[in-house]
């Protein structure tokens, strides 16, 4: 794992934490103030984003790691 990967990981954890906090805050503060259809729609969207963002970040990291591995393999073959 490279230094840029650690930074991306920390940013991903931070964004996920903020999304989770936003979901909890929304349910605690805004759930009773909004019409049920609107509240449920927003809650579902926030939940999907909260669950999906770490999966998307992991997929991006995997693509970068695969590209670095392929590049290192290609450079290793050129030297031989």
Protein backbone atom coordinates (compact mmCIF):
# COMPACT_ATOMS: atom_id res chain seq x y z
CA UNK A 1 0.00 0.00 0.00
CA UNK A 2 1.43 3.35 -1.05
CA UNK A 3 1.18 6.68 0.72
CA UNK A 4 -1.43 7.94 -1.74
CA UNK A 5 -3.51 4.84 -1.00
CA UNK A 6 -3.46 5.58 2.72
CA UNK A 7 -4.62 9.15 2.09
CA UNK A 8 -7.44 7.92 -0.16
CA UNK A 9 -8.40 5.37 2.49
CA UNK A 10 -8.54 8.02 5.21
CA UNK A 11 -10.61 10.34 3.03
CA UNK A 12 -12.98 7.48 2.23
CA UNK A 13 -13.38 6.64 5.92
CA UNK A 14 -13.99 10.32 6.70
CA UNK A 15 -16.63 10.73 3.99
CA UNK A 16 -18.35 7.51 5.07
CA UNK A 17 -18.38 8.71 8.67
CA UNK A 18 -19.90 12.04 7.65
CA UNK A 19 -22.54 10.27 5.57
CA UNK A 20 -23.39 8.01 8.48
CA UNK A 21 -23.59 10.99 10.83
CA UNK A 22 -25.84 12.75 8.31
CA UNK A 23 -28.14 9.75 8.14
CA UNK A 24 -28.44 9.53 11.93
CA UNK A 25 -28.91 13.29 12.25
CA UNK A 26 -31.58 13.25 9.56
CA UNK A 27 -33.52 10.49 11.30
CA UNK A 28 -33.22 12.13 14.73
CA UNK A 29 -34.00 15.71 13.69
CA UNK A 30 -35.92 15.80 10.42
CA UNK A 31 -37.90 12.57 10.34
CA UNK A 32 -40.95 13.99 12.16
CA UNK A 33 -40.83 17.37 10.42
CA UNK A 34 -41.12 16.12 6.85
CA UNK A 35 -43.97 14.24 5.17
CA UNK A 36 -43.41 10.50 5.48
CA UNK A 37 -42.95 9.92 1.72
CA UNK A 38 -40.27 12.61 1.48
CA UNK A 39 -38.55 11.46 4.68
CA UNK A 40 -38.50 7.85 3.57
CA UNK A 41 -37.15 8.75 0.11
CA UNK A 42 -34.34 10.88 1.55
CA UNK A 43 -33.54 8.21 4.14
CA UNK A 44 -33.28 5.51 1.48
CA UNK A 45 -31.07 7.71 -0.72
CA UNK A 46 -28.77 8.53 2.20
CA UNK A 47 -28.55 4.85 3.16
CA UNK A 48 -27.69 3.81 -0.40
CA UNK A 49 -24.98 6.45 -0.66
CA UNK A 50 -23.61 5.56 2.78
CA UNK A 51 -23.37 1.89 1.83
CA UNK A 52 -22.27 2.45 -1.77
CA UNK A 53 -19.49 4.98 -1.30
CA UNK A 54 -17.04 2.62 0.46
CA UNK A 55 -17.71 -0.03 -2.19
CA UNK A 56 -17.02 2.52 -4.94
CA UNK A 57 -13.84 3.69 -3.20
CA UNK A 58 -12.64 0.10 -2.87
CA UNK A 59 -13.29 -0.50 -6.58
CA UNK A 60 -11.27 2.62 -7.51
CA UNK A 61 -8.40 1.50 -5.27
CA UNK A 62 -8.51 -1.97 -6.83
CA UNK A 63 -8.31 -0.49 -10.34
CA UNK A 64 -5.32 1.69 -9.38
CA UNK A 65 -3.57 -1.25 -7.72
CA UNK A 66 -4.17 -3.47 -10.74
CA UNK A 67 -2.82 -0.78 -13.09
CA UNK A 68 0.33 -0.39 -10.96
CA UNK A 69 0.82 -4.16 -10.84
CA UNK A 70 0.44 -4.48 -14.61
CA UNK A 71 2.81 -1.56 -15.19
CA UNK A 72 5.43 -3.10 -12.89
CA UNK A 73 5.05 -6.44 -14.64
CA UNK A 74 5.39 -4.81 -18.07
CA UNK A 75 8.52 -2.91 -17.02
CA UNK A 76 9.96 -6.11 -15.53
CA UNK A 77 9.48 -7.91 -18.86
CA UNK A 78 11.14 -5.06 -20.79
CA UNK A 79 14.28 -5.30 -18.67
CA UNK A 80 14.69 -9.01 -19.42
